[in-house]
Protein backbone atom coordinates (compact mmCIF):
# COMPACT_ATOMS: atom_id res chain seq x y z
CA MET A 1 162.25 100.21 88.38
CA VAL A 2 165.08 98.42 86.53
CA THR A 3 167.67 96.71 88.66
CA SER A 4 171.41 96.98 87.96
CA ALA A 5 171.52 93.16 87.90
CA ALA A 6 168.86 93.12 85.05
CA ALA A 7 171.07 95.57 83.10
CA ALA A 8 174.21 93.62 83.71
CA LEU A 9 172.46 90.40 82.59
CA ASN A 10 171.24 92.13 79.42
CA ILE A 11 167.67 91.19 80.12
CA THR A 12 165.20 92.27 77.45
CA ARG A 13 161.65 93.35 78.20
CA VAL A 14 159.17 92.47 75.45
CA ARG A 15 155.55 93.59 75.02
CA ILE A 16 152.84 91.04 74.27
CA LEU A 17 149.63 92.78 73.20
CA GLY A 18 150.99 95.91 74.96
CA VAL A 19 151.79 94.08 78.25
CA PRO A 20 155.40 93.87 79.33
CA MET A 21 157.34 90.64 80.13
CA ASP A 22 161.00 90.03 80.88
CA CYS A 23 162.93 87.32 78.98
CA VAL A 24 164.72 85.75 82.01
CA THR A 25 165.71 82.31 83.17
CA MET A 26 165.10 81.04 86.71
CA GLY A 27 168.71 81.57 87.62
CA GLU A 28 168.62 85.15 86.34
CA ALA A 29 165.43 85.88 88.24
CA VAL A 30 167.05 84.69 91.47
CA LEU A 31 170.18 86.79 90.81
CA ILE A 32 168.05 89.86 90.17
CA ALA A 33 166.09 89.29 93.43
CA ASP A 34 169.37 88.88 95.34
CA GLU A 35 170.66 92.11 93.88
CA MET A 36 167.47 93.91 94.83
CA VAL A 37 167.88 92.79 98.48
CA LYS A 38 171.66 93.56 98.70
CA ALA A 39 171.29 97.03 97.16
CA HIS A 40 167.81 97.58 98.76
CA ARG A 41 166.15 98.43 95.47
CA PRO A 42 162.52 97.78 96.45
CA GLY A 43 160.25 96.46 93.74
CA GLY A 44 157.64 93.89 92.70
CA ILE A 45 158.11 90.62 90.96
CA PHE A 46 154.98 89.50 89.08
CA ALA A 47 154.15 86.50 86.89
CA ILE A 48 153.00 87.07 83.35
CA ASN A 49 150.54 84.62 81.68
CA PRO A 50 147.90 84.91 78.92
CA GLU A 51 144.96 85.60 81.32
CA LYS A 52 146.89 88.39 82.97
CA ILE A 53 147.88 89.81 79.59
CA VAL A 54 144.23 89.91 78.47
CA THR A 55 143.10 91.41 81.80
CA ALA A 56 145.79 94.12 81.70
CA GLY A 57 144.67 95.06 78.22
CA THR A 58 141.39 96.39 79.65
CA ASP A 59 142.56 97.25 83.22
CA PRO A 60 144.80 100.38 83.17
CA ALA A 61 145.53 100.02 86.89
CA LEU A 62 146.92 96.50 86.48
CA LEU A 63 148.90 97.52 83.43
CA ASN A 64 150.40 100.47 85.37
CA ALA A 65 151.44 98.10 88.20
CA LEU A 66 153.07 95.69 85.70
CA ASP A 67 154.88 98.56 83.95
CA GLY A 68 156.29 99.67 87.27
CA ALA A 69 157.53 96.19 88.34
CA SER A 70 161.18 95.37 88.81
CA LEU A 71 160.79 91.92 87.20
CA LEU A 72 158.06 90.27 85.14
CA ILE A 73 158.65 86.53 84.88
CA PRO A 74 157.42 84.45 81.84
CA ASP A 75 155.04 82.27 83.92
CA GLY A 76 152.48 81.08 81.33
CA VAL A 77 153.13 78.65 78.55
CA GLY A 78 151.04 80.83 76.15
CA ALA A 79 153.19 83.90 76.95
CA VAL A 80 156.41 81.93 76.35
CA VAL A 81 155.07 80.64 73.03
CA ALA A 82 154.02 84.11 72.03
CA ALA A 83 157.45 85.47 72.75
CA ARG A 84 159.09 82.64 70.77
CA LEU A 85 156.86 83.28 67.81
CA GLY A 86 157.95 86.95 68.03
CA GLY A 87 161.63 85.99 67.72
CA VAL A 88 162.74 85.50 71.30
CA ARG A 89 165.01 82.42 71.32
CA ASN A 90 165.77 79.95 74.08
CA LEU A 91 163.04 81.33 76.32
CA HIS A 92 161.56 78.94 78.86
CA ARG A 93 158.84 79.16 81.45
CA VAL A 94 159.73 80.57 84.87
CA SER A 95 156.80 79.65 87.18
CA GLY A 96 155.99 81.87 90.06
CA ALA A 97 155.22 78.70 92.10
CA ASP A 98 158.80 77.58 91.40
CA LEU A 99 160.42 80.96 92.04
CA MET A 100 158.99 81.31 95.53
CA PRO A 101 160.88 78.15 96.77
CA GLU A 102 164.02 79.36 95.01
CA LEU A 103 163.71 82.75 96.80
CA CYS A 104 163.17 80.88 100.07
CA ALA A 105 166.32 78.87 99.48
CA LEU A 106 168.16 82.13 98.72
CA ALA A 107 166.73 83.76 101.88
CA ALA A 108 167.79 80.74 104.00
CA LEU A 109 171.32 80.96 102.58
CA ARG A 110 171.75 84.79 102.92
CA GLY A 111 169.85 85.20 106.09
CA TYR A 112 167.09 87.38 104.56
CA PRO A 113 163.96 87.35 106.76
CA VAL A 114 160.71 86.74 104.83
CA PHE A 115 157.05 87.60 105.45
CA VAL A 116 154.08 85.69 103.97
CA TYR A 117 150.78 87.49 103.39
CA GLY A 118 147.74 85.94 101.88
CA GLY A 119 145.73 82.73 102.00
CA ARG A 120 142.83 81.68 104.24
CA PRO A 121 143.12 82.01 108.04
CA GLU A 122 143.42 78.24 108.48
CA VAL A 123 145.78 77.78 105.54
CA THR A 124 148.47 80.44 105.96
CA PRO A 125 149.92 78.90 109.18
CA ARG A 126 150.13 75.52 107.47
CA ALA A 127 152.01 77.04 104.56
CA VAL A 128 154.46 78.79 106.88
CA LYS A 129 154.98 75.45 108.77
CA ALA A 130 155.79 73.75 105.47
CA LEU A 131 158.29 76.38 104.52
CA ARG A 132 160.03 76.09 107.88
CA GLU A 133 160.24 72.33 107.55
CA ALA A 134 161.60 72.55 103.94
CA TYR A 135 164.13 75.34 104.83
CA PRO A 136 165.19 74.91 108.46
CA ARG A 137 167.47 78.03 108.24
CA LEU A 138 164.74 80.19 106.84
CA GLN A 139 163.78 83.12 109.03
CA VAL A 140 159.98 83.58 108.70
CA ALA A 141 159.75 86.91 110.38
CA GLY A 142 155.96 86.93 110.24
CA TYR A 143 152.79 86.03 108.41
CA GLN A 144 149.29 87.26 107.89
CA HIS A 145 146.25 85.66 106.25
CA GLY A 146 144.51 87.53 103.52
CA TYR A 147 141.11 88.08 105.14
CA LEU A 148 141.52 91.45 106.91
CA MET A 149 139.19 94.09 108.19
CA PRO A 150 139.88 97.62 106.75
CA GLY A 151 141.71 98.75 109.94
CA GLU A 152 143.92 95.66 109.99
CA LEU A 153 144.67 96.11 106.31
CA ALA A 154 145.68 99.74 106.86
CA SER A 155 148.18 98.78 109.60
CA LEU A 156 149.63 95.73 107.80
CA PRO A 157 152.65 97.61 106.28
CA ASP A 158 153.61 98.65 109.82
CA LYS A 159 153.40 95.02 110.98
CA ILE A 160 155.62 94.01 108.08
CA ASN A 161 158.10 96.71 108.83
CA GLU A 162 158.27 95.74 112.44
CA SER A 163 159.15 92.15 111.42
CA GLY A 164 162.22 93.33 109.58
CA ALA A 165 161.33 91.21 106.55
CA ARG A 166 163.50 91.79 103.45
CA ILE A 167 161.38 89.52 101.14
CA LEU A 168 157.63 89.57 101.06
CA PHE A 169 155.43 86.96 99.44
CA VAL A 170 151.86 88.15 98.63
CA GLY A 171 149.20 85.60 97.64
CA LEU A 172 145.98 87.52 97.08
CA GLY A 173 145.29 86.47 93.49
CA SER A 174 145.46 88.77 90.53
CA PRO A 175 145.05 91.71 90.10
CA GLN A 176 144.56 92.27 93.83
CA GLN A 177 148.14 91.30 94.71
CA GLU A 178 149.82 93.46 92.05
CA LEU A 179 147.69 96.47 93.05
CA TRP A 180 148.32 95.94 96.74
CA ILE A 181 152.08 95.63 96.28
CA GLN A 182 152.22 98.81 94.10
CA ALA A 183 150.32 100.73 96.70
CA ALA A 184 152.11 99.35 99.80
CA LEU A 185 155.74 99.44 98.51
CA PRO A 186 156.25 103.17 99.46
CA ARG A 187 155.31 102.29 103.00
CA LEU A 188 157.47 99.15 103.34
CA THR A 189 160.76 100.37 104.74
CA THR A 190 162.59 97.02 105.12
CA VAL A 191 161.27 95.03 102.26
CA ALA A 192 163.18 94.94 98.97
CA VAL A 193 161.44 92.13 97.04
CA CYS A 194 157.65 91.71 96.88
CA GLN A 195 156.70 88.70 94.87
CA GLY A 196 153.07 88.03 93.92
CA VAL A 197 152.63 84.33 94.47
CA GLY A 198 148.92 83.78 93.70
CA GLY A 199 147.73 80.40 94.91
CA THR A 200 151.15 79.09 95.87
CA ILE A 201 150.29 79.49 99.53
CA ASP A 202 147.48 76.95 99.07
CA VAL A 203 149.91 74.59 97.33
CA LEU A 204 152.41 74.84 100.22
CA ALA A 205 149.65 74.15 102.73
CA GLY A 206 148.44 71.07 100.80
CA ARG A 207 145.08 72.69 100.05
CA ALA A 208 145.83 72.66 96.30
CA LYS A 209 147.91 70.30 94.27
CA ARG A 210 150.41 71.10 91.51
CA ALA A 211 150.94 68.99 88.47
CA PRO A 212 153.68 66.32 88.77
CA LEU A 213 157.11 67.40 87.61
CA ILE A 214 156.95 65.37 84.38
CA TRP A 215 153.76 67.31 83.36
CA ARG A 216 155.36 70.62 84.19
CA ARG A 217 158.55 69.84 82.20
CA ALA A 218 156.42 68.97 79.20
CA TYR A 219 154.60 72.32 79.55
CA LEU A 220 151.36 70.42 80.24
CA GLU A 221 150.50 71.75 83.65
CA TRP A 222 147.47 73.42 82.07
CA LEU A 223 146.18 70.06 80.84
CA TYR A 224 146.71 68.54 84.32
CA ARG A 225 144.68 71.32 85.86
CA LEU A 226 141.94 70.92 83.28
CA LEU A 227 141.71 67.15 83.86
CA ASN A 228 141.47 67.78 87.56
CA ASP A 229 139.06 70.73 87.26
CA PRO A 230 136.95 70.44 84.08
CA SER A 231 135.32 73.78 84.88
CA ARG A 232 138.58 75.46 83.72
CA ILE A 233 137.42 74.74 80.08
CA ARG A 234 135.55 78.04 80.24
CA ARG A 235 138.92 79.82 80.16
CA PHE A 236 139.91 78.31 76.81
CA PRO A 237 138.01 80.82 74.59
CA ARG A 238 140.14 83.63 76.14
CA LEU A 239 143.31 81.64 75.59
CA LEU A 240 142.39 80.98 71.95
CA ASN A 241 141.51 84.67 71.49
CA PHE A 242 144.91 85.56 72.99
CA MET A 243 146.85 83.33 70.62
CA TRP A 244 144.84 84.64 67.64
CA ARG A 245 145.61 88.20 68.57
CA VAL A 246 149.32 87.40 69.10
CA TRP A 247 149.47 85.81 65.64
CA ARG A 248 147.69 88.80 64.14
CA GLU A 249 149.33 91.64 66.05
CA GLY A 250 152.72 90.09 67.09
CA ILE A 251 154.82 91.23 69.95
CA VAL A 252 157.17 94.17 70.36
CA LEU A 253 160.78 93.31 71.03
CA GLY A 254 162.29 95.69 73.54
CA GLU A 255 165.82 96.84 73.99
CA PRO A 256 168.04 95.44 76.78
CA ARG A 257 166.96 96.91 80.08
CA ARG A 258 169.15 99.71 81.53
CA THR A 259 169.42 101.35 84.91
């Protein structure tokens, strides 16, 4: 689904190795989300990075979920570099971990109730507490950890509807969160924005640590993570393969998105 805000802002969707990504700024992403809630145009907001692009290339279900999203933010540095090499100018990273707080600030300002789904049973309440402390006017209509029995999972959309949430944050990891959002959206009657937030719930709860701002501004968050978790080096062959394929195959520039 393409929002009218995306069309008005002349947002272009590109394809990197066949996987879609929207060339948006943080400000534009927040405006689009606001429009989705105001007009009640339900849709998913997902982050695009090299690992997700590679995975979607061999996972038709994930690719289908991404194709149907309302907004695909340029989250990974590699994806941003690929788009720049393909001719997209002035594109900068829009991190999902940064967009979630921006949407919470928007929700606090507009009075949009939010719901948080995902994380470990002992972690999710701490994340919600941190959100309430950071945004005193934020209405957290409800929350649910991500470790549910089949019956609980089946009734979760009803629980979210009863809360009256307009914005839903889902932190299940990829591709589980994208697939869950795609399947659940038709049953969510009050929600307009579903953002897949990955491990951001852990960050909010203090269970995981983000790179300092100076590292993020220098596009070196990946290096910070590697230094703190050397086991991440095993992901590098996939990243190198991604960049090689981008250089060889290029990207496809899309037309401005229309309603």
